[in-house]
Structures are given as structure tokens and as C-alpha cells.
Amino acid sequence: MHALAKRYSDDLLFTIIDINQHPLMPSLAGLHAGGGISVENLRTGELFPYLDDISATELEGFIIGLIKGAVALWDGLRPSDVSHDEL
């Protein structure tokens, strides 16, 4: 992942968050409490979360999808691990 982060460092921000120390951070990056990967476009501030486990090869495909506009921008809604049907 380090080589991948370095290759795209001019345009994208790669950050590792320890969810044990910062349990609220994943939801601020569009991720579930269990974590995942969220890519931020440094030029626009847009976030693109990826919620499944991912390898470096799959992440590069995800990044190429971002560049081509094929990946949906995060809608700002925080994902929830609990659904509420009482309403």
C-alpha cells in the first residue's frame, strides 16, 4: 500500500486511523465502525469510501475508477451498523 500511496500522493490523501483510539473517526470518513478505506481528493475535498476488505491491486483499481469518474462520491450520510425500524 505504501508504494501506491506514494504514487498518488499529489492528488489523494492516505491516512491510517486506529479505531480503538478514535472510534468516531470512521463514520466521519463515510465508513462503518469496523473500518475500511476512504480516499480523499485533495483538490476537491471529496471523500470516496470503500467499505469492503481490499488489496493494493483492488485499491489501485478503485483509484483509477475515481480518476475516471466511475466511483460515486460519498453522499455525506454516515453508515450505520444498526438499523432502526421503530419509526
N, C-alpha and C. Protein backbone atom coordinates (compact mmCIF):
# COMPACT_ATOMS: atom_id res chain seq x y z
N MET A 1 0.82 -1.20 0.00
CA MET A 1 0.00 0.00 0.00
C MET A 1 0.87 1.26 0.00
N HIS A 2 2.04 1.19 0.63
CA HIS A 2 2.90 2.37 0.72
C HIS A 2 3.28 2.89 -0.67
N ALA A 3 3.68 1.98 -1.57
CA ALA A 3 4.06 2.40 -2.92
C ALA A 3 2.88 3.04 -3.65
N LEU A 4 1.71 2.48 -3.44
CA LEU A 4 0.50 3.01 -4.06
C LEU A 4 0.19 4.41 -3.52
N ALA A 5 0.29 4.58 -2.22
CA ALA A 5 0.04 5.89 -1.61
C ALA A 5 1.03 6.92 -2.12
N LYS A 6 2.27 6.53 -2.26
CA LYS A 6 3.31 7.45 -2.74
C LYS A 6 3.04 7.86 -4.19
N ARG A 7 2.62 6.90 -5.01
CA ARG A 7 2.36 7.16 -6.43
C ARG A 7 1.26 8.21 -6.62
N TYR A 8 0.26 8.20 -5.76
CA TYR A 8 -0.89 9.11 -5.91
C TYR A 8 -0.89 10.23 -4.87
N SER A 9 0.21 10.46 -4.19
CA SER A 9 0.25 11.40 -3.06
C SER A 9 -0.01 12.86 -3.45
N ASP A 10 0.19 13.23 -4.70
CA ASP A 10 -0.09 14.61 -5.11
C ASP A 10 -1.58 14.91 -5.17
N ASP A 11 -2.39 13.88 -5.35
CA ASP A 11 -3.82 14.08 -5.54
C ASP A 11 -4.69 13.49 -4.44
N LEU A 12 -4.19 12.46 -3.75
CA LEU A 12 -5.01 11.75 -2.78
C LEU A 12 -4.31 11.68 -1.43
N LEU A 13 -5.12 11.68 -0.38
CA LEU A 13 -4.59 11.59 0.98
C LEU A 13 -4.86 10.20 1.52
N PHE A 14 -3.83 9.50 1.93
CA PHE A 14 -3.94 8.19 2.54
C PHE A 14 -3.62 8.34 4.02
N THR A 15 -4.54 7.94 4.88
CA THR A 15 -4.37 8.07 6.32
C THR A 15 -4.82 6.78 6.99
N ILE A 16 -4.08 6.37 8.01
CA ILE A 16 -4.47 5.21 8.80
C ILE A 16 -5.02 5.72 10.12
N ILE A 17 -6.20 5.23 10.49
CA ILE A 17 -6.84 5.64 11.74
C ILE A 17 -6.95 4.43 12.64
N ASP A 18 -6.45 4.55 13.87
CA ASP A 18 -6.60 3.50 14.86
C ASP A 18 -8.00 3.64 15.46
N ILE A 19 -8.93 2.75 15.06
CA ILE A 19 -10.31 2.89 15.51
C ILE A 19 -10.48 2.54 16.99
N ASN A 20 -9.47 1.92 17.57
CA ASN A 20 -9.53 1.68 19.01
C ASN A 20 -9.31 2.98 19.78
N GLN A 21 -8.45 3.84 19.28
CA GLN A 21 -8.19 5.14 19.91
C GLN A 21 -9.17 6.21 19.45
N HIS A 22 -9.67 6.10 18.25
CA HIS A 22 -10.55 7.13 17.66
C HIS A 22 -11.79 6.46 17.08
N PRO A 23 -12.68 5.94 17.92
CA PRO A 23 -13.82 5.15 17.43
C PRO A 23 -14.82 5.92 16.59
N LEU A 24 -14.84 7.24 16.67
CA LEU A 24 -15.80 8.02 15.88
C LEU A 24 -15.29 8.40 14.49
N MET A 25 -14.00 8.27 14.27
CA MET A 25 -13.41 8.71 13.00
C MET A 25 -13.94 7.97 11.77
N PRO A 26 -14.14 6.65 11.82
CA PRO A 26 -14.62 6.00 10.60
C PRO A 26 -15.92 6.60 10.06
N SER A 27 -16.85 6.93 10.94
CA SER A 27 -18.12 7.48 10.46
C SER A 27 -17.94 8.87 9.84
N LEU A 28 -16.90 9.59 10.26
CA LEU A 28 -16.62 10.91 9.66
C LEU A 28 -16.00 10.79 8.27
N ALA A 29 -15.51 9.59 7.95
CA ALA A 29 -14.92 9.35 6.64
C ALA A 29 -15.81 8.47 5.76
N GLY A 30 -17.07 8.29 6.20
CA GLY A 30 -18.01 7.52 5.41
C GLY A 30 -17.89 6.01 5.57
N LEU A 31 -17.25 5.57 6.65
CA LEU A 31 -17.02 4.14 6.86
C LEU A 31 -17.86 3.60 8.00
N HIS A 32 -18.01 2.28 8.04
CA HIS A 32 -18.67 1.60 9.16
C HIS A 32 -17.72 1.59 10.35
N ALA A 33 -18.23 1.29 11.53
CA ALA A 33 -17.42 1.25 12.74
C ALA A 33 -16.25 0.28 12.63
N GLY A 34 -16.40 -0.77 11.82
CA GLY A 34 -15.33 -1.75 11.65
C GLY A 34 -14.19 -1.26 10.80
N GLY A 35 -14.35 -0.13 10.13
CA GLY A 35 -13.28 0.43 9.32
C GLY A 35 -13.49 0.22 7.84
N GLY A 36 -12.43 0.39 7.09
CA GLY A 36 -12.44 0.31 5.65
C GLY A 36 -11.44 1.30 5.10
N ILE A 37 -11.61 1.68 3.88
CA ILE A 37 -10.71 2.65 3.25
C ILE A 37 -11.56 3.78 2.68
N SER A 38 -11.13 4.99 2.96
CA SER A 38 -11.79 6.16 2.40
C SER A 38 -10.71 7.01 1.75
N VAL A 39 -10.91 7.37 0.50
CA VAL A 39 -9.94 8.16 -0.25
C VAL A 39 -10.47 9.58 -0.38
N GLU A 40 -9.61 10.55 -0.08
CA GLU A 40 -9.99 11.95 -0.20
C GLU A 40 -9.26 12.58 -1.37
N ASN A 41 -10.00 13.25 -2.23
CA ASN A 41 -9.41 14.02 -3.32
C ASN A 41 -8.95 15.35 -2.73
N LEU A 42 -7.63 15.57 -2.69
CA LEU A 42 -7.09 16.78 -2.07
C LEU A 42 -7.47 18.05 -2.81
N ARG A 43 -7.73 17.95 -4.07
CA ARG A 43 -8.08 19.14 -4.86
C ARG A 43 -9.52 19.60 -4.60
N THR A 44 -10.41 18.64 -4.32
CA THR A 44 -11.83 18.99 -4.15
C THR A 44 -12.35 18.77 -2.73
N GLY A 45 -11.63 17.98 -1.92
CA GLY A 45 -12.10 17.65 -0.58
C GLY A 45 -13.16 16.55 -0.57
N GLU A 46 -13.44 15.97 -1.72
CA GLU A 46 -14.46 14.92 -1.82
C GLU A 46 -13.92 13.61 -1.23
N LEU A 47 -14.82 12.86 -0.58
CA LEU A 47 -14.47 11.57 0.01
C LEU A 47 -15.13 10.43 -0.76
N PHE A 48 -14.39 9.35 -0.89
CA PHE A 48 -14.85 8.16 -1.59
C PHE A 48 -14.57 6.94 -0.71
N PRO A 49 -15.53 6.50 0.10
CA PRO A 49 -15.30 5.35 0.96
C PRO A 49 -15.41 4.02 0.20
N TYR A 50 -14.60 3.08 0.63
CA TYR A 50 -14.65 1.70 0.14
C TYR A 50 -14.84 0.83 1.37
N LEU A 51 -15.97 0.16 1.48
CA LEU A 51 -16.36 -0.47 2.74
C LEU A 51 -15.90 -1.92 2.91
N ASP A 52 -15.45 -2.57 1.86
CA ASP A 52 -15.05 -3.97 1.94
C ASP A 52 -13.54 -4.09 2.14
N ASP A 53 -13.08 -5.30 2.51
CA ASP A 53 -11.64 -5.56 2.56
C ASP A 53 -11.10 -5.37 1.15
N ILE A 54 -9.85 -4.92 1.07
CA ILE A 54 -9.30 -4.59 -0.24
C ILE A 54 -7.79 -4.83 -0.24
N SER A 55 -7.29 -5.29 -1.39
CA SER A 55 -5.85 -5.47 -1.57
C SER A 55 -5.29 -4.22 -2.27
N ALA A 56 -3.99 -4.13 -2.36
CA ALA A 56 -3.36 -2.99 -3.05
C ALA A 56 -3.79 -2.95 -4.51
N THR A 57 -3.91 -4.10 -5.15
CA THR A 57 -4.32 -4.15 -6.56
C THR A 57 -5.75 -3.65 -6.71
N GLU A 58 -6.65 -4.10 -5.82
CA GLU A 58 -8.04 -3.65 -5.88
C GLU A 58 -8.15 -2.16 -5.56
N LEU A 59 -7.33 -1.68 -4.62
CA LEU A 59 -7.34 -0.26 -4.28
C LEU A 59 -6.91 0.58 -5.47
N GLU A 60 -5.91 0.12 -6.20
CA GLU A 60 -5.49 0.88 -7.38
C GLU A 60 -6.61 0.92 -8.42
N GLY A 61 -7.34 -0.17 -8.59
CA GLY A 61 -8.50 -0.17 -9.48
C GLY A 61 -9.56 0.81 -9.01
N PHE A 62 -9.75 0.88 -7.69
CA PHE A 62 -10.69 1.83 -7.11
C PHE A 62 -10.24 3.27 -7.40
N ILE A 63 -8.95 3.53 -7.25
CA ILE A 63 -8.40 4.87 -7.51
C ILE A 63 -8.55 5.23 -8.99
N ILE A 64 -8.27 4.30 -9.86
CA ILE A 64 -8.45 4.55 -11.30
C ILE A 64 -9.91 4.84 -11.60
N GLY A 65 -10.81 4.13 -10.94
CA GLY A 65 -12.24 4.42 -11.07
C GLY A 65 -12.58 5.83 -10.61
N LEU A 66 -11.92 6.28 -9.54
CA LEU A 66 -12.12 7.67 -9.06
C LEU A 66 -11.69 8.66 -10.14
N ILE A 67 -10.52 8.41 -10.68
CA ILE A 67 -9.96 9.31 -11.70
C ILE A 67 -10.88 9.38 -12.92
N LYS A 68 -11.46 8.25 -13.29
CA LYS A 68 -12.33 8.19 -14.47
C LYS A 68 -13.76 8.64 -14.17
N GLY A 69 -14.07 8.92 -12.89
CA GLY A 69 -15.41 9.36 -12.53
C GLY A 69 -16.41 8.22 -12.41
N ALA A 70 -15.92 6.99 -12.28
CA ALA A 70 -16.81 5.83 -12.22
C ALA A 70 -17.18 5.44 -10.79
N VAL A 71 -16.63 6.12 -9.79
CA VAL A 71 -16.92 5.81 -8.40
C VAL A 71 -17.78 6.92 -7.81
N ALA A 72 -18.83 6.53 -7.11
CA ALA A 72 -19.75 7.52 -6.55
C ALA A 72 -19.11 8.26 -5.38
N LEU A 73 -19.30 9.53 -5.37
CA LEU A 73 -18.88 10.41 -4.28
C LEU A 73 -19.68 10.08 -3.03
N TRP A 74 -19.05 10.17 -1.86
CA TRP A 74 -19.76 9.93 -0.60
C TRP A 74 -20.87 10.96 -0.47
N ASP A 75 -22.07 10.51 -0.13
CA ASP A 75 -23.23 11.40 -0.03
C ASP A 75 -23.31 12.14 1.30
N GLY A 76 -22.35 11.90 2.19
CA GLY A 76 -22.32 12.60 3.47
C GLY A 76 -23.11 11.91 4.56
N LEU A 77 -23.87 10.88 4.21
CA LEU A 77 -24.63 10.15 5.21
C LEU A 77 -23.70 9.17 5.91
N ARG A 78 -23.78 9.14 7.23
CA ARG A 78 -22.93 8.23 7.99
C ARG A 78 -23.53 6.84 7.96
N PRO A 79 -22.74 5.85 7.59
CA PRO A 79 -23.27 4.49 7.58
C PRO A 79 -23.55 4.03 9.01
N SER A 80 -24.52 3.19 9.15
CA SER A 80 -24.89 2.71 10.48
C SER A 80 -24.81 1.20 10.50
N ASP A 81 -24.28 0.67 11.58
CA ASP A 81 -24.23 -0.78 11.73
C ASP A 81 -25.53 -1.30 12.33
N VAL A 82 -26.41 -0.38 12.76
CA VAL A 82 -27.68 -0.76 13.40
C VAL A 82 -28.79 -0.10 12.60
N SER A 83 -29.76 -0.89 12.22
CA SER A 83 -30.91 -0.28 11.54
C SER A 83 -32.01 -0.06 12.58
N HIS A 84 -32.70 1.03 12.42
CA HIS A 84 -33.78 1.39 13.34
C HIS A 84 -35.10 1.33 12.58
N ASP A 85 -35.98 0.45 13.01
CA ASP A 85 -37.27 0.34 12.33
C ASP A 85 -38.42 0.78 13.21
N GLU A 86 -38.10 1.44 14.33
CA GLU A 86 -39.17 1.83 15.25
C GLU A 86 -39.95 3.05 14.80
N LEU A 87 -39.52 3.72 13.75
CA LEU A 87 -40.23 4.91 13.27
C LEU A 87 -41.31 4.56 12.29
